[in-house]
Amino acid sequence: MPARGASGAMTLITEYDVVGSPMRVLRLESATDGRAVLLLEVDERRPGIHREVRYEITPSELIAAIRANGAALPGKPYNDRFISEPR
């Protein structure tokens, strides 16, 4: 089965100051080539200091981390046919 790269972005956390300006933002987005997922942290909580940190992980490493540290949600049992046979 062919696989495609990641696309899109999502804001996870935004902290605002009293005036309403963002002081700290955490975002997940795809790398420009679509082969990695980036966690971007922009921190401006200290006056005059702009700090930006990028963390990069492959989609397969992210999936493995979620499976290792997450919990399966209760619901319908997993059905392999549902995923592999589109209607």
PDB file of N, CA and C in Angstrom:
ATOM      1  N   MET A   1       0.842  -1.167   0.000  1.00  0.00           N
ATOM      2  CA  MET A   1       0.000   0.000   0.000  1.00  0.00           C
ATOM      3  C   MET A   1       0.892   1.237   0.000  1.00  0.00           C
ATOM      4  N   PRO A   2       0.709   2.147  -0.976  1.00  0.00           N
ATOM      5  CA  PRO A   2       1.524   3.359  -1.007  1.00  0.00           C
ATOM      6  C   PRO A   2       1.193   4.286   0.154  1.00  0.00           C
ATOM      7  N   ALA A   3       2.197   4.971   0.644  1.00  0.00           N
ATOM      8  CA  ALA A   3       2.002   5.921   1.749  1.00  0.00           C
ATOM      9  C   ALA A   3       2.329   7.322   1.264  1.00  0.00           C
ATOM     10  N   ARG A   4       1.625   8.295   1.811  1.00  0.00           N
ATOM     11  CA  ARG A   4       1.876   9.693   1.475  1.00  0.00           C
ATOM     12  C   ARG A   4       2.463  10.407   2.668  1.00  0.00           C
ATOM     13  N   GLY A   5       3.125  11.516   2.421  1.00  0.00           N
ATOM     14  CA  GLY A   5       3.704  12.317   3.495  1.00  0.00           C
ATOM     15  C   GLY A   5       2.636  13.079   4.262  1.00  0.00           C
ATOM     16  N   ALA A   6       3.041  13.646   5.369  1.00  0.00           N
ATOM     17  CA  ALA A   6       2.138  14.405   6.224  1.00  0.00           C
ATOM     18  C   ALA A   6       1.839  15.763   5.594  1.00  0.00           C
ATOM     19  N   SER A   7       0.706  16.355   5.980  1.00  0.00           N
ATOM     20  CA  SER A   7       0.392  17.709   5.546  1.00  0.00           C
ATOM     21  C   SER A   7      -0.496  18.366   6.596  1.00  0.00           C
ATOM     22  N   GLY A   8      -0.406  19.689   6.704  1.00  0.00           N
ATOM     23  CA  GLY A   8      -1.263  20.419   7.622  1.00  0.00           C
ATOM     24  C   GLY A   8      -0.549  20.892   8.865  1.00  0.00           C
ATOM     25  N   ALA A   9      -1.318  21.577   9.722  1.00  0.00           N
ATOM     26  CA  ALA A   9      -0.782  22.123  10.972  1.00  0.00           C
ATOM     27  C   ALA A   9      -1.898  22.167  12.009  1.00  0.00           C
ATOM     28  N   MET A  10      -1.495  22.227  13.262  1.00  0.00           N
ATOM     29  CA  MET A  10      -2.459  22.226  14.353  1.00  0.00           C
ATOM     30  C   MET A  10      -1.848  22.919  15.559  1.00  0.00           C
ATOM     31  N   THR A  11      -2.571  23.866  16.132  1.00  0.00           N
ATOM     32  CA  THR A  11      -2.109  24.531  17.345  1.00  0.00           C
ATOM     33  C   THR A  11      -2.542  23.703  18.541  1.00  0.00           C
ATOM     34  N   LEU A  12      -1.597  23.378  19.423  1.00  0.00           N
ATOM     35  CA  LEU A  12      -1.895  22.564  20.597  1.00  0.00           C
ATOM     36  C   LEU A  12      -2.184  23.415  21.824  1.00  0.00           C
ATOM     37  N   ILE A  13      -1.363  24.428  22.056  1.00  0.00           N
ATOM     38  CA  ILE A  13      -1.508  25.295  23.233  1.00  0.00           C
ATOM     39  C   ILE A  13      -1.173  26.726  22.828  1.00  0.00           C
ATOM     40  N   THR A  14      -1.972  27.663  23.300  1.00  0.00           N
ATOM     41  CA  THR A  14      -1.658  29.084  23.157  1.00  0.00           C
ATOM     42  C   THR A  14      -1.910  29.751  24.493  1.00  0.00           C
ATOM     43  N   GLU A  15      -0.889  30.421  25.029  1.00  0.00           N
ATOM     44  CA  GLU A  15      -1.017  31.178  26.276  1.00  0.00           C
ATOM     45  C   GLU A  15      -0.976  32.662  25.932  1.00  0.00           C
ATOM     46  N   TYR A  16      -1.916  33.424  26.502  1.00  0.00           N
ATOM     47  CA  TYR A  16      -2.014  34.857  26.225  1.00  0.00           C
ATOM     48  C   TYR A  16      -1.627  35.661  27.450  1.00  0.00           C
ATOM     49  N   ASP A  17      -1.143  36.896  27.214  1.00  0.00           N
ATOM     50  CA  ASP A  17      -0.876  37.808  28.322  1.00  0.00           C
ATOM     51  C   ASP A  17      -2.156  38.579  28.648  1.00  0.00           C
ATOM     52  N   VAL A  18      -2.065  39.525  29.559  1.00  0.00           N
ATOM     53  CA  VAL A  18      -3.226  40.285  30.018  1.00  0.00           C
ATOM     54  C   VAL A  18      -3.870  41.080  28.876  1.00  0.00           C
ATOM     55  N   VAL A  19      -3.055  41.575  27.959  1.00  0.00           N
ATOM     56  CA  VAL A  19      -3.539  42.386  26.846  1.00  0.00           C
ATOM     57  C   VAL A  19      -4.207  41.514  25.771  1.00  0.00           C
ATOM     58  N   GLY A  20      -3.882  40.246  25.732  1.00  0.00           N
ATOM     59  CA  GLY A  20      -4.443  39.344  24.727  1.00  0.00           C
ATOM     60  C   GLY A  20      -3.483  38.942  23.633  1.00  0.00           C
ATOM     61  N   SER A  21      -2.231  39.325  23.765  1.00  0.00           N
ATOM     62  CA  SER A  21      -1.208  38.912  22.796  1.00  0.00           C
ATOM     63  C   SER A  21      -0.681  37.528  23.169  1.00  0.00           C
ATOM     64  N   PRO A  22      -0.415  36.677  22.176  1.00  0.00           N
ATOM     65  CA  PRO A  22       0.121  35.354  22.512  1.00  0.00           C
ATOM     66  C   PRO A  22       1.536  35.456  23.090  1.00  0.00           C
ATOM     67  N   MET A  23       1.745  34.769  24.226  1.00  0.00           N
ATOM     68  CA  MET A  23       3.067  34.735  24.859  1.00  0.00           C
ATOM     69  C   MET A  23       3.786  33.424  24.568  1.00  0.00           C
ATOM     70  N   ARG A  24       3.019  32.354  24.406  1.00  0.00           N
ATOM     71  CA  ARG A  24       3.609  31.042  24.176  1.00  0.00           C
ATOM     72  C   ARG A  24       2.669  30.255  23.276  1.00  0.00           C
ATOM     73  N   VAL A  25       3.238  29.645  22.237  1.00  0.00           N
ATOM     74  CA  VAL A  25       2.445  28.868  21.287  1.00  0.00           C
ATOM     75  C   VAL A  25       3.160  27.552  21.012  1.00  0.00           C
ATOM     76  N   LEU A  26       2.421  26.449  21.086  1.00  0.00           N
ATOM     77  CA  LEU A  26       2.925  25.126  20.699  1.00  0.00           C
ATOM     78  C   LEU A  26       2.102  24.634  19.521  1.00  0.00           C
ATOM     79  N   ARG A  27       2.790  24.323  18.416  1.00  0.00           N
ATOM     80  CA  ARG A  27       2.107  23.869  17.204  1.00  0.00           C
ATOM     81  C   ARG A  27       2.724  22.586  16.679  1.00  0.00           C
ATOM     82  N   LEU A  28       1.893  21.750  16.086  1.00  0.00           N
ATOM     83  CA  LEU A  28       2.351  20.592  15.330  1.00  0.00           C
ATOM     84  C   LEU A  28       2.126  20.915  13.863  1.00  0.00           C
ATOM     85  N   GLU A  29       3.118  20.679  13.032  1.00  0.00           N
ATOM     86  CA  GLU A  29       2.937  20.874  11.599  1.00  0.00           C
ATOM     87  C   GLU A  29       3.863  19.953  10.832  1.00  0.00           C
ATOM     88  N   SER A  30       3.538  19.757   9.576  1.00  0.00           N
ATOM     89  CA  SER A  30       4.374  18.885   8.752  1.00  0.00           C
ATOM     90  C   SER A  30       5.575  19.660   8.229  1.00  0.00           C
ATOM     91  N   ALA A  31       6.661  18.943   8.008  1.00  0.00           N
ATOM     92  CA  ALA A  31       7.844  19.548   7.398  1.00  0.00           C
ATOM     93  C   ALA A  31       7.512  19.863   5.942  1.00  0.00           C
ATOM     94  N   THR A  32       8.275  20.736   5.316  1.00  0.00           N
ATOM     95  CA  THR A  32       7.989  21.137   3.940  1.00  0.00           C
ATOM     96  C   THR A  32       8.028  19.959   2.974  1.00  0.00           C
ATOM     97  N   ASP A  33       8.868  18.953   3.252  1.00  0.00           N
ATOM     98  CA  ASP A  33       8.933  17.788   2.367  1.00  0.00           C
ATOM     99  C   ASP A  33       7.895  16.725   2.732  1.00  0.00           C
ATOM    100  N   GLY A  34       7.173  16.907   3.846  1.00  0.00           N
ATOM    101  CA  GLY A  34       6.131  15.969   4.244  1.00  0.00           C
ATOM    102  C   GLY A  34       6.639  14.694   4.879  1.00  0.00           C
ATOM    103  N   ARG A  35       7.924  14.603   5.160  1.00  0.00           N
ATOM    104  CA  ARG A  35       8.491  13.372   5.705  1.00  0.00           C
ATOM    105  C   ARG A  35       8.695  13.399   7.209  1.00  0.00           C
ATOM    106  N   ALA A  36       8.348  14.509   7.851  1.00  0.00           N
ATOM    107  CA  ALA A  36       8.528  14.627   9.299  1.00  0.00           C
ATOM    108  C   ALA A  36       7.417  15.488   9.890  1.00  0.00           C
ATOM    109  N   VAL A  37       7.234  15.344  11.185  1.00  0.00           N
ATOM    110  CA  VAL A  37       6.294  16.168  11.930  1.00  0.00           C
ATOM    111  C   VAL A  37       7.128  17.060  12.835  1.00  0.00           C
ATOM    112  N   LEU A  38       6.798  18.353  12.873  1.00  0.00           N
ATOM    113  CA  LEU A  38       7.546  19.314  13.683  1.00  0.00           C
ATOM    114  C   LEU A  38       6.679  19.788  14.844  1.00  0.00           C
ATOM    115  N   LEU A  39       7.266  19.839  16.023  1.00  0.00           N
ATOM    116  CA  LEU A  39       6.647  20.492  17.172  1.00  0.00           C
ATOM    117  C   LEU A  39       7.374  21.817  17.315  1.00  0.00           C
ATOM    118  N   LEU A  40       6.659  22.923  17.128  1.00  0.00           N
ATOM    119  CA  LEU A  40       7.253  24.250  17.206  1.00  0.00           C
ATOM    120  C   LEU A  40       6.802  24.917  18.492  1.00  0.00           C
ATOM    121  N   GLU A  41       7.758  25.439  19.247  1.00  0.00           N
ATOM    122  CA  GLU A  41       7.450  26.152  20.483  1.00  0.00           C
ATOM    123  C   GLU A  41       8.006  27.558  20.376  1.00  0.00           C
ATOM    124  N   VAL A  42       7.112  28.542  20.402  1.00  0.00           N
ATOM    125  CA  VAL A  42       7.505  29.946  20.374  1.00  0.00           C
ATOM    126  C   VAL A  42       7.181  30.514  21.746  1.00  0.00           C
ATOM    127  N   ASP A  43       8.192  31.032  22.430  1.00  0.00           N
ATOM    128  CA  ASP A  43       8.040  31.499  23.806  1.00  0.00           C
ATOM    129  C   ASP A  43       8.501  32.953  23.916  1.00  0.00           C
ATOM    130  N   GLU A  44       7.592  33.826  24.295  1.00  0.00           N
ATOM    131  CA  GLU A  44       7.910  35.248  24.493  1.00  0.00           C
ATOM    132  C   GLU A  44       7.452  35.699  25.875  1.00  0.00           C
ATOM    133  N   ARG A  45       7.513  34.794  26.853  1.00  0.00           N
ATOM    134  CA  ARG A  45       7.047  35.128  28.205  1.00  0.00           C
ATOM    135  C   ARG A  45       7.977  36.087  28.923  1.00  0.00           C
ATOM    136  N   ARG A  46       9.241  36.106  28.556  1.00  0.00           N
ATOM    137  CA  ARG A  46      10.179  37.063  29.154  1.00  0.00           C
ATOM    138  C   ARG A  46      10.293  38.280  28.252  1.00  0.00           C
ATOM    139  N   PRO A  47      10.106  39.477  28.783  1.00  0.00           N
ATOM    140  CA  PRO A  47      10.142  40.691  27.959  1.00  0.00           C
ATOM    141  C   PRO A  47      11.458  40.822  27.192  1.00  0.00           C
ATOM    142  N   GLY A  48      11.343  41.084  25.890  1.00  0.00           N
ATOM    143  CA  GLY A  48      12.524  41.301  25.056  1.00  0.00           C
ATOM    144  C   GLY A  48      13.217  40.041  24.585  1.00  0.00           C
ATOM    145  N   ILE A  49      12.750  38.878  24.993  1.00  0.00           N
ATOM    146  CA  ILE A  49      13.394  37.616  24.594  1.00  0.00           C
ATOM    147  C   ILE A  49      12.408  36.792  23.771  1.00  0.00           C
ATOM    148  N   HIS A  50      12.790  36.479  22.539  1.00  0.00           N
ATOM    149  CA  HIS A  50      12.000  35.632  21.641  1.00  0.00           C
ATOM    150  C   HIS A  50      12.732  34.306  21.516  1.00  0.00           C
ATOM    151  N   ARG A  51      12.109  33.234  21.971  1.00  0.00           N
ATOM    152  CA  ARG A  51      12.739  31.912  21.918  1.00  0.00           C
ATOM    153  C   ARG A  51      11.873  31.008  21.054  1.00  0.00           C
ATOM    154  N   GLU A  52      12.499  30.370  20.070  1.00  0.00           N
ATOM    155  CA  GLU A  52      11.781  29.430  19.205  1.00  0.00           C
ATOM    156  C   GLU A  52      12.562  28.126  19.138  1.00  0.00           C
ATOM    157  N   VAL A  53      11.885  27.030  19.451  1.00  0.00           N
ATOM    158  CA  VAL A  53      12.514  25.708  19.443  1.00  0.00           C
ATOM    159  C   VAL A  53      11.705  24.801  18.529  1.00  0.00           C
ATOM    160  N   ARG A  54      12.404  24.001  17.717  1.00  0.00           N
ATOM    161  CA  ARG A  54      11.762  23.041  16.808  1.00  0.00           C
ATOM    162  C   ARG A  54      12.225  21.636  17.152  1.00  0.00           C
ATOM    163  N   TYR A  55      11.264  20.742  17.260  1.00  0.00           N
ATOM    164  CA  TYR A  55      11.547  19.325  17.464  1.00  0.00           C
ATOM    165  C   TYR A  55      11.022  18.591  16.243  1.00  0.00           C
ATOM    166  N   GLU A  56      11.798  17.640  15.730  1.00  0.00           N
ATOM    167  CA  GLU A  56      11.407  16.908  14.532  1.00  0.00           C
ATOM    168  C   GLU A  56      11.329  15.421  14.832  1.00  0.00           C
ATOM    169  N   ILE A  57      10.284  14.770  14.301  1.00  0.00           N
ATOM    170  CA  ILE A  57      10.107  13.337  14.487  1.00  0.00           C
ATOM    171  C   ILE A  57       9.432  12.797  13.220  1.00  0.00           C
ATOM    172  N   THR A  58       9.749  11.576  12.845  1.00  0.00           N
ATOM    173  CA  THR A  58       9.090  10.985  11.683  1.00  0.00           C
ATOM    174  C   THR A  58       7.691  10.536  12.092  1.00  0.00           C
ATOM    175  N   PRO A  59       6.771  10.463  11.147  1.00  0.00           N
ATOM    176  CA  PRO A  59       5.423   9.997  11.486  1.00  0.00           C
ATOM    177  C   PRO A  59       5.416   8.614  12.136  1.00  0.00           C
ATOM    178  N   SER A  60       6.274   7.698  11.669  1.00  0.00           N
ATOM    179  CA  SER A  60       6.296   6.361  12.260  1.00  0.00           C
ATOM    180  C   SER A  60       6.800   6.389  13.704  1.00  0.00           C
ATOM    181  N   GLU A  61       7.774   7.260  14.006  1.00  0.00           N
ATOM    182  CA  GLU A  61       8.250   7.403  15.387  1.00  0.00           C
ATOM    183  C   GLU A  61       7.163   8.023  16.276  1.00  0.00           C
ATOM    184  N   LEU A  62       6.407   8.978  15.741  1.00  0.00           N
ATOM    185  CA  LEU A  62       5.319   9.593  16.493  1.00  0.00           C
ATOM    186  C   LEU A  62       4.220   8.568  16.787  1.00  0.00           C
ATOM    187  N   ILE A  63       3.864   7.771  15.796  1.00  0.00           N
ATOM    188  CA  ILE A  63       2.850   6.731  15.990  1.00  0.00           C
ATOM    189  C   ILE A  63       3.314   5.733  17.046  1.00  0.00           C
ATOM    190  N   ALA A  64       4.584   5.320  16.990  1.00  0.00           N
ATOM    191  CA  ALA A  64       5.116   4.379  17.978  1.00  0.00           C
ATOM    192  C   ALA A  64       5.091   4.975  19.383  1.00  0.00           C
ATOM    193  N   ALA A  65       5.421   6.267  19.509  1.00  0.00           N
ATOM    194  CA  ALA A  65       5.402   6.925  20.824  1.00  0.00           C
ATOM    195  C   ALA A  65       3.982   6.995  21.381  1.00  0.00           C
ATOM    196  N   ILE A  66       3.006   7.311  20.531  1.00  0.00           N
ATOM    197  CA  ILE A  66       1.619   7.370  20.989  1.00  0.00           C
ATOM    198  C   ILE A  66       1.134   5.987  21.400  1.00  0.00           C
ATOM    199  N   ARG A  67       1.442   4.986  20.621  1.00  0.00           N
ATOM    200  CA  ARG A  67       1.015   3.614  20.964  1.00  0.00           C
ATOM    201  C   ARG A  67       1.673   3.134  22.248  1.00  0.00           C
ATOM    202  N   ALA A  68       2.938   3.495  22.469  1.00  0.00           N
ATOM    203  CA  ALA A  68       3.656   3.046  23.666  1.00  0.00           C
ATOM    204  C   ALA A  68       3.175   3.772  24.919  1.00  0.00           C
ATOM    205  N   ASN A  69       2.758   5.040  24.792  1.00  0.00           N
ATOM    206  CA  ASN A  69       2.417   5.844  25.963  1.00  0.00           C
ATOM    207  C   ASN A  69       0.930   6.151  26.099  1.00  0.00           C
ATOM    208  N   GLY A  70       0.155   5.862  25.087  1.00  0.00           N
ATOM    209  CA  GLY A  70      -1.265   6.183  25.113  1.00  0.00           C
ATOM    210  C   GLY A  70      -2.094   5.020  25.622  1.00  0.00           C
ATOM    211  N   ALA A  71      -3.385   5.222  25.629  1.00  0.00           N
ATOM    212  CA  ALA A  71      -4.331   4.182  26.019  1.00  0.00           C
ATOM    213  C   ALA A  71      -5.392   4.085  24.941  1.00  0.00           C
ATOM    214  N   ALA A  72      -5.769   2.857  24.618  1.00  0.00           N
ATOM    215  CA  ALA A  72      -6.814   2.649  23.625  1.00  0.00           C
ATOM    216  C   ALA A  72      -8.144   3.140  24.189  1.00  0.00           C
ATOM    217  N   LEU A  73      -8.906   3.815  23.349  1.00  0.00           N
ATOM    218  CA  LEU A  73     -10.199   4.324  23.790  1.00  0.00           C
ATOM    219  C   LEU A  73     -11.234   3.210  23.756  1.00  0.00           C
ATOM    220  N   PRO A  74     -12.135   3.176  24.745  1.00  0.00           N
ATOM    221  CA  PRO A  74     -13.184   2.152  24.714  1.00  0.00           C
ATOM    222  C   PRO A  74     -14.148   2.445  23.563  1.00  0.00           C
ATOM    223  N   GLY A  75     -14.716   1.415  23.032  1.00  0.00           N
ATOM    224  CA  GLY A  75     -15.637   1.584  21.913  1.00  0.00           C
ATOM    225  C   GLY A  75     -15.776   0.282  21.181  1.00  0.00           C
ATOM    226  N   LYS A  76     -16.080   0.387  19.908  1.00  0.00           N
ATOM    227  CA  LYS A  76     -16.256  -0.803  19.098  1.00  0.00           C
ATOM    228  C   LYS A  76     -14.927  -1.525  18.941  1.00  0.00           C
ATOM    229  N   PRO A  77     -14.954  -2.851  18.889  1.00  0.00           N
ATOM    230  CA  PRO A  77     -13.703  -3.598  18.686  1.00  0.00           C
ATOM    231  C   PRO A  77     -13.103  -3.298  17.324  1.00  0.00           C
ATOM    232  N   TYR A  78     -11.817  -3.421  17.229  1.00  0.00           N
ATOM    233  CA  TYR A  78     -11.076  -3.177  15.995  1.00  0.00           C
ATOM    234  C   TYR A  78     -11.537  -4.152  14.924  1.00  0.00           C
ATOM    235  N   ASN A  79     -11.821  -3.636  13.741  1.00  0.00           N
ATOM    236  CA  ASN A  79     -12.254  -4.467  12.633  1.00  0.00           C
ATOM    237  C   ASN A  79     -11.315  -4.224  11.466  1.00  0.00           C
ATOM    238  N   ASP A  80     -10.465  -5.193  11.154  1.00  0.00           N
ATOM    239  CA  ASP A  80      -9.453  -5.060  10.105  1.00  0.00           C
ATOM    240  C   ASP A  80     -10.086  -4.855   8.737  1.00  0.00           C
ATOM    241  N   ARG A  81     -11.235  -5.488   8.473  1.00  0.00           N
ATOM    242  CA  ARG A  81     -11.897  -5.349   7.171  1.00  0.00           C
ATOM    243  C   ARG A  81     -12.360  -3.920   6.932  1.00  0.00           C
ATOM    244  N   PHE A  82     -12.819  -3.237   7.972  1.00  0.00           N
ATOM    245  CA  PHE A  82     -13.329  -1.880   7.838  1.00  0.00           C
ATOM    246  C   PHE A  82     -12.243  -0.940   7.301  1.00  0.00           C
ATOM    247  N   ILE A  83     -11.016  -1.120   7.762  1.00  0.00           N
ATOM    248  CA  ILE A  83      -9.932  -0.225   7.373  1.00  0.00           C
ATOM    249  C   ILE A  83      -9.386  -0.588   5.981  1.00  0.00           C
ATOM    250  N   SER A  84      -9.265  -1.869   5.687  1.00  0.00           N
ATOM    251  CA  SER A  84      -8.605  -2.258   4.457  1.00  0.00           C
ATOM    252  C   SER A  84      -9.529  -2.297   3.242  1.00  0.00           C
ATOM    253  N   GLU A  85     -10.852  -2.322   3.431  1.00  0.00           N
ATOM    254  CA  GLU A  85     -11.776  -2.408   2.306  1.00  0.00           C
ATOM    255  C   GLU A  85     -12.695  -1.191   2.267  1.00  0.00           C
ATOM    256  N   PRO A  86     -12.305  -0.149   1.516  1.00  0.00           N
ATOM    257  CA  PRO A  86     -13.186   1.033   1.429  1.00  0.00           C
ATOM    258  C   PRO A  86     -14.474   0.685   0.693  1.00  0.00           C
ATOM    259  N   ARG A  87     -15.543   1.385   1.048  1.00  0.00           N
ATOM    260  CA  ARG A  87     -16.852   1.126   0.419  1.00  0.00           C
ATOM    261  C   ARG A  87     -17.059   1.994  -0.778  1.00  0.00           C
TER     262      ARG A  87
END
